[in-house]
Amino acid sequence: MTHDEACTIWESLPHPSRDHVIRLFARKNSEVLGDFARNAKEIYRFANAYNGEYNCYICPNPTLRADGTRHRADDVTHWSYFFFDIDPLKGVENADPVGALDSALAAFTGISGHNLFEHSPTIIDSGRGMQA
């Protein structure tokens, strides 16, 4: 990750106050390491410390919690992002992650009041399934 990429990520995230942080975590097999960022430089430092050996993740919804490995949904103070991560269950033949994601988006369209087909979220193939 470049510093400019870290700045782009930081600028796209909500920052309700100076006390709020963005949680970061890195995973390699069953090992999970957590941290937090108060600015783009800290995102850059974290990503480059673990990139290559670990999968790095950013939790984009801000929290006041800066301890522990990861925060819980109850710790989020301002919901700005919602993710779907659709992976097939092990042992299920003919799994359809694309169809499952379409069903999830349709259900959430009704709940949220936003047409997620008309204003489609970014959708990616995660290798095992789909994310939006």
Protein backbone atom coordinates (compact mmCIF):
# COMPACT_ATOMS: atom_id res chain seq x y z
CA MET A 1 0.00 0.00 0.00
CA THR A 2 1.25 3.45 -0.83
CA HIS A 3 0.83 6.47 1.42
CA ASP A 4 -1.50 8.02 -1.19
CA GLU A 5 -3.70 4.90 -1.08
CA ALA A 6 -3.82 5.11 2.72
CA CYS A 7 -4.85 8.78 2.43
CA THR A 8 -7.61 7.90 -0.03
CA ILE A 9 -8.94 5.25 2.34
CA TRP A 10 -8.75 7.58 5.35
CA GLU A 11 -10.55 10.37 3.50
CA SER A 12 -13.41 8.02 2.53
CA LEU A 13 -14.12 7.05 6.17
CA PRO A 14 -16.28 8.92 8.68
CA HIS A 15 -14.57 10.71 11.58
CA PRO A 16 -17.21 11.85 14.07
CA SER A 17 -14.66 13.15 16.60
CA ARG A 18 -10.96 13.12 17.48
CA ASP A 19 -11.66 10.34 19.98
CA HIS A 20 -13.00 7.95 17.35
CA VAL A 21 -10.72 5.39 15.74
CA ILE A 22 -10.85 3.04 12.78
CA ARG A 23 -10.05 -0.54 13.77
CA LEU A 24 -7.55 -2.59 11.77
CA PHE A 25 -6.75 -6.28 11.94
CA ALA A 26 -4.45 -8.72 10.21
CA ARG A 27 -5.13 -12.43 9.86
CA LYS A 28 -2.82 -15.31 8.97
CA ASN A 29 -4.45 -18.71 9.38
CA SER A 30 -5.85 -18.69 12.95
CA GLU A 31 -3.63 -15.82 14.14
CA VAL A 32 -5.39 -12.45 14.37
CA LEU A 33 -3.61 -9.22 15.26
CA GLY A 34 -5.47 -5.98 15.95
CA ASP A 35 -4.72 -2.28 16.12
CA PHE A 36 -6.44 1.04 15.43
CA ALA A 37 -5.76 4.15 13.36
CA ARG A 38 -6.36 7.81 14.06
CA ASN A 39 -4.95 8.97 10.69
CA ALA A 40 -3.77 7.83 7.24
CA LYS A 41 -0.18 7.41 8.39
CA GLU A 42 -1.26 4.77 10.93
CA ILE A 43 -3.22 2.85 8.26
CA TYR A 44 -0.15 2.95 6.01
CA ARG A 45 2.14 1.74 8.81
CA PHE A 46 -0.17 -1.14 9.74
CA ALA A 47 -0.76 -2.33 6.17
CA ASN A 48 2.93 -2.32 5.34
CA ALA A 49 3.94 -4.03 8.56
CA TYR A 50 1.76 -7.08 7.80
CA ASN A 51 1.22 -6.97 4.04
CA GLY A 52 2.51 -10.00 2.22
CA GLU A 53 2.26 -12.49 5.08
CA TYR A 54 -1.14 -11.50 6.50
CA ASN A 55 -4.48 -10.52 5.06
CA CYS A 56 -5.14 -6.98 6.29
CA TYR A 57 -8.60 -5.59 6.98
CA ILE A 58 -10.04 -2.18 7.80
CA CYS A 59 -13.27 -1.90 9.79
CA PRO A 60 -14.66 1.31 8.26
CA ASN A 61 -17.29 2.14 10.87
CA PRO A 62 -15.79 4.29 13.63
CA THR A 63 -15.62 3.28 17.27
CA LEU A 64 -14.32 4.71 20.52
CA ARG A 65 -12.88 1.31 21.45
CA ALA A 66 -9.10 1.16 20.98
CA ASP A 67 -8.34 -1.97 23.02
CA GLY A 68 -8.49 -5.63 22.11
CA THR A 69 -7.92 -7.35 18.81
CA ARG A 70 -11.21 -6.42 17.15
CA HIS A 71 -14.28 -4.46 18.09
CA ARG A 72 -17.84 -5.77 18.11
CA ALA A 73 -20.88 -4.38 16.32
CA ASP A 74 -22.02 -2.98 19.70
CA ASP A 75 -18.86 -0.83 19.77
CA VAL A 76 -19.67 1.00 16.51
CA THR A 77 -20.88 4.52 17.21
CA HIS A 78 -21.70 5.62 13.65
CA TRP A 79 -22.82 3.12 11.00
CA SER A 80 -21.75 4.31 7.56
CA TYR A 81 -20.90 1.03 5.84
CA PHE A 82 -22.53 -2.38 5.73
CA PHE A 83 -20.87 -5.40 4.10
CA PHE A 84 -22.10 -8.69 2.76
CA ASP A 85 -19.61 -11.56 2.64
CA ILE A 86 -21.19 -14.59 0.98
CA ASP A 87 -19.16 -17.82 1.10
CA PRO A 88 -20.51 -21.29 0.30
CA LEU A 89 -20.75 -23.75 3.17
CA LYS A 90 -18.19 -26.53 3.09
CA GLY A 91 -19.59 -29.71 1.64
CA VAL A 92 -22.49 -27.99 -0.17
CA GLU A 93 -22.48 -28.92 -3.83
CA ASN A 94 -23.70 -26.50 -6.51
CA ALA A 95 -23.49 -23.54 -4.15
CA ASP A 96 -24.48 -20.27 -5.80
CA PRO A 97 -22.75 -17.31 -4.10
CA VAL A 98 -23.92 -14.92 -6.83
CA GLY A 99 -27.54 -15.96 -6.33
CA ALA A 100 -27.15 -15.80 -2.56
CA LEU A 101 -25.73 -12.27 -2.82
CA ASP A 102 -28.62 -11.20 -5.07
CA SER A 103 -31.05 -12.54 -2.44
CA ALA A 104 -29.22 -10.69 0.35
CA LEU A 105 -29.21 -7.44 -1.63
CA ALA A 106 -32.92 -7.82 -2.41
CA ALA A 107 -33.72 -8.40 1.27
CA PHE A 108 -31.60 -5.47 2.40
CA THR A 109 -33.15 -3.25 -0.30
CA GLY A 110 -36.49 -3.79 1.40
CA ILE A 111 -35.11 -3.21 4.89
CA SER A 112 -32.95 -0.18 4.09
CA GLY A 113 -35.28 1.61 1.70
CA HIS A 114 -32.40 2.00 -0.81
CA ASN A 115 -32.60 0.22 -4.15
CA LEU A 116 -29.30 -1.69 -4.17
CA PHE A 117 -29.86 -2.87 -7.74
CA GLU A 118 -30.43 0.62 -9.10
CA HIS A 119 -27.54 2.04 -7.05
CA SER A 120 -25.37 -1.04 -6.95
CA PRO A 121 -22.64 -1.41 -4.34
CA THR A 122 -19.16 -2.48 -5.35
CA ILE A 123 -19.24 -6.24 -5.80
CA ILE A 124 -16.12 -8.40 -5.84
CA ASP A 125 -15.34 -12.07 -6.22
CA SER A 126 -13.41 -12.94 -3.05
CA GLY A 127 -12.13 -16.23 -4.42
CA ARG A 128 -14.49 -18.42 -2.40
CA GLY A 129 -17.61 -16.31 -2.72
CA MET A 130 -18.88 -12.79 -3.23
CA GLN A 131 -18.62 -9.54 -1.28
CA ALA A 132 -20.60 -6.32 -1.56
